[in-house]
Amino acid sequence: MISYFEEVFEVIRDSVESIDENVYNELVDQCEETIRKGHKIIASGLGKNVPICEKFVGTLNSLGIDARFLHTNTAVHGDLGMVGKDDLVILLSKGGNTVETVALAEYLKERGTNTWLFAFAEKCKSAEVVEQRLILRLKDEGDEWNIVPNNSTTVNLIVLQGIAIELGKRLGVTLDDFRVNHPGGGIGARLRGEQIWK
């Protein structure tokens, strides 16, 4: 069993090391600029990438950074209304060829939205539409068929959380800011200085 986790860690490390740092830094720079100008960051995904997007958005919101989740399926049924003219949208799609993702990418392009694609395929239909993209390498998903969304979603979460934490630093978010946004649960109690079970 331990060997399985060792293999997963190896795949994740290889994937993270495939990140083009210049591209990554440009994305973070644009996210920072978007927030400083009073606009928001929107993460969009399908399937198992949905909770990944929601976790990213939840982290940003807890830091007081305006972010929303846009489900790729419902976007074309009116939810595109949440996308402002100067917002930044991050599209998550492992292969980049999902019909809904390609369609949303095209609609966002028509609107002139600042859009980024996260994918694990250099050549895909979404990449033909979205000019700004963070393409990652992925050896395998870690299941016996190499098809279950597993390692890919884990990598997406790690990268997005890295962006969230970096934005918090750049924007000068303080522990007091976080405290105001997180009054509940064990974290809230700890931040109020209350004794909690260890």
Protein backbone atom coordinates (compact mmCIF):
# COMPACT_ATOMS: atom_id res chain seq x y z
CA MET A 1 0.00 0.00 0.00
CA ILE A 2 2.80 2.42 0.87
CA SER A 3 4.31 1.85 -2.57
CA TYR A 4 1.08 3.16 -4.11
CA PHE A 5 1.42 6.46 -2.28
CA GLU A 6 5.08 6.68 -3.24
CA GLU A 7 4.10 6.30 -6.89
CA VAL A 8 1.41 8.97 -6.53
CA PHE A 9 3.87 11.39 -4.93
CA GLU A 10 6.28 10.76 -7.79
CA VAL A 11 3.61 11.50 -10.40
CA ILE A 12 2.51 14.66 -8.59
CA ARG A 13 6.09 15.88 -8.20
CA ASP A 14 6.78 15.28 -11.89
CA SER A 15 3.63 17.17 -12.82
CA VAL A 16 4.39 20.15 -10.59
CA GLU A 17 7.97 20.28 -11.89
CA SER A 18 6.60 20.55 -15.43
CA ILE A 19 5.12 23.97 -14.65
CA ASP A 20 6.56 26.78 -16.74
CA GLU A 21 7.44 29.27 -13.98
CA ASN A 22 7.19 32.27 -16.31
CA VAL A 23 3.66 31.27 -17.30
CA TYR A 24 2.71 30.57 -13.69
CA ASN A 25 4.07 33.91 -12.48
CA GLU A 26 2.21 35.72 -15.26
CA LEU A 27 -1.03 34.09 -14.15
CA VAL A 28 -0.47 35.09 -10.52
CA ASP A 29 0.45 38.63 -11.62
CA GLN A 30 -2.78 38.90 -13.59
CA CYS A 31 -4.81 37.51 -10.69
CA GLU A 32 -3.28 40.11 -8.39
CA GLU A 33 -3.95 42.92 -10.85
CA THR A 34 -7.54 41.74 -11.31
CA ILE A 35 -8.25 41.87 -7.58
CA ARG A 36 -6.44 45.18 -7.02
CA LYS A 37 -8.62 46.76 -9.70
CA GLY A 38 -11.76 45.63 -7.88
CA HIS A 39 -12.66 42.67 -10.05
CA LYS A 40 -12.90 38.95 -9.29
CA ILE A 41 -11.38 35.58 -10.09
CA ILE A 42 -13.67 32.86 -11.42
CA ALA A 43 -12.83 29.14 -11.53
CA SER A 44 -14.79 26.88 -13.85
CA GLY A 45 -14.80 23.11 -14.17
CA LEU A 46 -16.79 19.95 -14.74
CA GLY A 47 -17.10 16.60 -13.01
CA LYS A 48 -14.45 15.91 -10.40
CA ASN A 49 -12.88 19.32 -10.99
CA VAL A 50 -15.97 20.95 -9.48
CA PRO A 51 -14.94 20.43 -5.82
CA ILE A 52 -11.39 21.44 -6.76
CA CYS A 53 -12.67 24.78 -8.06
CA GLU A 54 -14.91 25.19 -5.02
CA LYS A 55 -12.00 24.60 -2.64
CA PHE A 56 -9.91 27.21 -4.46
CA VAL A 57 -12.76 29.72 -4.39
CA GLY A 58 -13.44 28.94 -0.72
CA THR A 59 -9.82 29.59 0.18
CA LEU A 60 -9.79 32.91 -1.66
CA ASN A 61 -13.07 33.98 -0.05
CA SER A 62 -11.74 33.12 3.43
CA LEU A 63 -8.83 35.45 2.68
CA GLY A 64 -11.27 38.20 1.69
CA ILE A 65 -10.43 37.84 -2.01
CA ASP A 66 -13.43 38.03 -4.33
CA ALA A 67 -13.83 34.74 -6.21
CA ARG A 68 -16.68 32.67 -7.66
CA PHE A 69 -17.28 29.19 -9.01
CA LEU A 70 -18.82 28.90 -12.47
CA HIS A 71 -20.02 25.42 -13.39
CA THR A 72 -19.01 24.82 -16.99
CA ASN A 73 -22.36 23.12 -17.72
CA THR A 74 -24.65 25.83 -16.37
CA ALA A 75 -22.51 28.72 -17.62
CA VAL A 76 -24.34 28.76 -20.96
CA HIS A 77 -27.72 28.67 -19.23
CA GLY A 78 -27.42 32.10 -17.70
CA ASP A 79 -24.58 31.75 -15.19
CA LEU A 80 -22.29 33.62 -17.58
CA GLY A 81 -23.97 36.65 -16.03
CA MET A 82 -21.55 36.41 -13.10
CA VAL A 83 -18.59 37.12 -15.39
CA GLY A 84 -17.73 40.80 -15.36
CA LYS A 85 -15.93 42.58 -18.19
CA ASP A 86 -12.61 42.69 -16.35
CA ASP A 87 -12.78 39.46 -14.36
CA LEU A 88 -10.27 36.63 -14.80
CA VAL A 89 -11.58 33.13 -15.55
CA ILE A 90 -9.62 29.91 -15.05
CA LEU A 91 -10.97 26.91 -16.99
CA LEU A 92 -10.04 23.45 -15.71
CA SER A 93 -10.16 20.57 -18.18
CA LYS A 94 -7.84 17.58 -18.12
CA GLY A 95 -7.87 16.84 -21.85
CA GLY A 96 -9.17 20.21 -22.98
CA ASN A 97 -11.56 18.65 -25.48
CA THR A 98 -14.79 18.44 -23.50
CA VAL A 99 -17.58 19.91 -25.60
CA GLU A 100 -18.88 22.12 -22.79
CA THR A 101 -15.42 23.46 -22.00
CA VAL A 102 -14.68 24.31 -25.61
CA ALA A 103 -18.06 26.01 -25.96
CA LEU A 104 -17.53 28.07 -22.80
CA ALA A 105 -14.04 29.02 -23.97
CA GLU A 106 -15.50 30.31 -27.22
CA TYR A 107 -18.22 32.30 -25.45
CA LEU A 108 -15.65 33.86 -23.13
CA LYS A 109 -13.48 34.75 -26.10
CA GLU A 110 -16.42 36.46 -27.77
CA ARG A 111 -16.95 38.51 -24.61
CA GLY A 112 -13.28 39.47 -24.48
CA THR A 113 -12.86 37.87 -21.04
CA ASN A 114 -9.37 37.36 -19.66
CA THR A 115 -9.33 33.56 -19.71
CA TRP A 116 -6.77 30.95 -18.69
CA LEU A 117 -6.83 27.23 -19.42
CA PHE A 118 -5.50 24.54 -17.07
CA ALA A 119 -4.99 21.28 -18.97
CA PHE A 120 -2.76 18.25 -19.24
CA ALA A 121 -2.70 18.26 -23.06
CA GLU A 122 -0.69 20.71 -25.15
CA LYS A 123 -2.74 20.05 -28.27
CA CYS A 124 -6.46 20.23 -27.58
CA LYS A 125 -9.51 22.09 -28.85
CA SER A 126 -9.65 24.46 -25.86
CA ALA A 127 -6.02 25.45 -26.42
CA GLU A 128 -6.97 26.55 -29.92
CA VAL A 129 -9.42 29.01 -28.37
CA VAL A 130 -7.68 30.11 -25.16
CA GLU A 131 -4.35 31.83 -25.75
CA GLN A 132 -3.24 31.89 -22.12
CA ARG A 133 -2.75 28.41 -20.73
CA LEU A 134 -0.93 26.48 -18.04
CA ILE A 135 -0.21 23.05 -19.50
CA LEU A 136 0.96 20.38 -17.08
CA ARG A 137 2.48 16.98 -17.59
CA LEU A 138 0.79 13.90 -16.12
CA LYS A 139 2.34 10.43 -16.26
CA ASP A 140 -0.83 8.66 -15.15
CA GLU A 141 -3.93 8.94 -12.98
CA GLY A 142 -2.81 6.28 -10.49
CA ASP A 143 -5.62 3.81 -11.02
CA GLU A 144 -5.39 0.45 -12.78
CA TRP A 145 -7.00 1.80 -15.96
CA ASN A 146 -5.35 5.23 -15.98
CA ILE A 147 -8.75 6.85 -16.36
CA VAL A 148 -10.19 7.74 -12.93
CA PRO A 149 -9.76 11.51 -12.21
CA ASN A 150 -7.27 11.15 -9.37
CA ASN A 151 -3.76 12.51 -9.79
CA SER A 152 -4.92 15.19 -12.23
CA THR A 153 -7.41 16.69 -9.78
CA THR A 154 -4.88 16.51 -6.96
CA VAL A 155 -2.35 18.44 -9.05
CA ASN A 156 -4.98 21.03 -9.99
CA LEU A 157 -5.80 21.52 -6.31
CA ILE A 158 -2.15 21.92 -5.34
CA VAL A 159 -1.51 24.48 -8.07
CA LEU A 160 -4.67 26.48 -7.40
CA GLN A 161 -4.07 26.51 -3.65
CA GLY A 162 -0.54 27.73 -4.32
CA ILE A 163 -2.01 30.63 -6.28
CA ALA A 164 -4.46 31.40 -3.47
CA ILE A 165 -1.76 31.46 -0.79
CA GLU A 166 0.55 33.59 -2.94
CA LEU A 167 -2.25 36.07 -3.62
CA GLY A 168 -2.93 36.34 0.11
CA LYS A 169 0.71 37.27 0.67
CA ARG A 170 0.86 39.76 -2.19
CA LEU A 171 -2.36 41.47 -1.18
CA GLY A 172 -1.23 41.78 2.42
CA VAL A 173 -3.97 39.67 3.96
CA THR A 174 -3.44 39.54 7.72
CA LEU A 175 -4.44 37.03 10.36
CA ASP A 176 -6.95 39.62 11.61
CA ASP A 177 -8.51 39.71 8.13
CA PHE A 178 -8.76 35.93 8.16
CA ARG A 179 -10.18 35.95 11.70
CA VAL A 180 -13.08 38.21 10.67
CA ASN A 181 -13.97 35.87 7.80
CA HIS A 182 -13.68 32.64 9.77
CA PRO A 183 -15.53 32.98 13.10
CA GLY A 184 -16.81 29.41 13.23
CA GLY A 185 -15.47 25.95 13.99
CA GLY A 186 -12.20 24.96 15.57
CA ILE A 187 -10.29 27.55 13.55
CA GLY A 188 -12.61 30.32 14.72
CA ALA A 189 -12.23 29.22 18.34
CA ARG A 190 -8.46 29.06 18.02
CA LEU A 191 -8.34 32.54 16.51
CA ARG A 192 -10.43 33.85 19.41
CA GLY A 193 -7.89 32.36 21.78
CA GLU A 194 -10.32 29.83 23.20
CA GLN A 195 -9.14 26.53 24.61
CA ILE A 196 -9.96 23.70 22.24
CA TRP A 197 -9.35 19.99 22.38
CA LYS A 198 -6.02 18.91 20.99
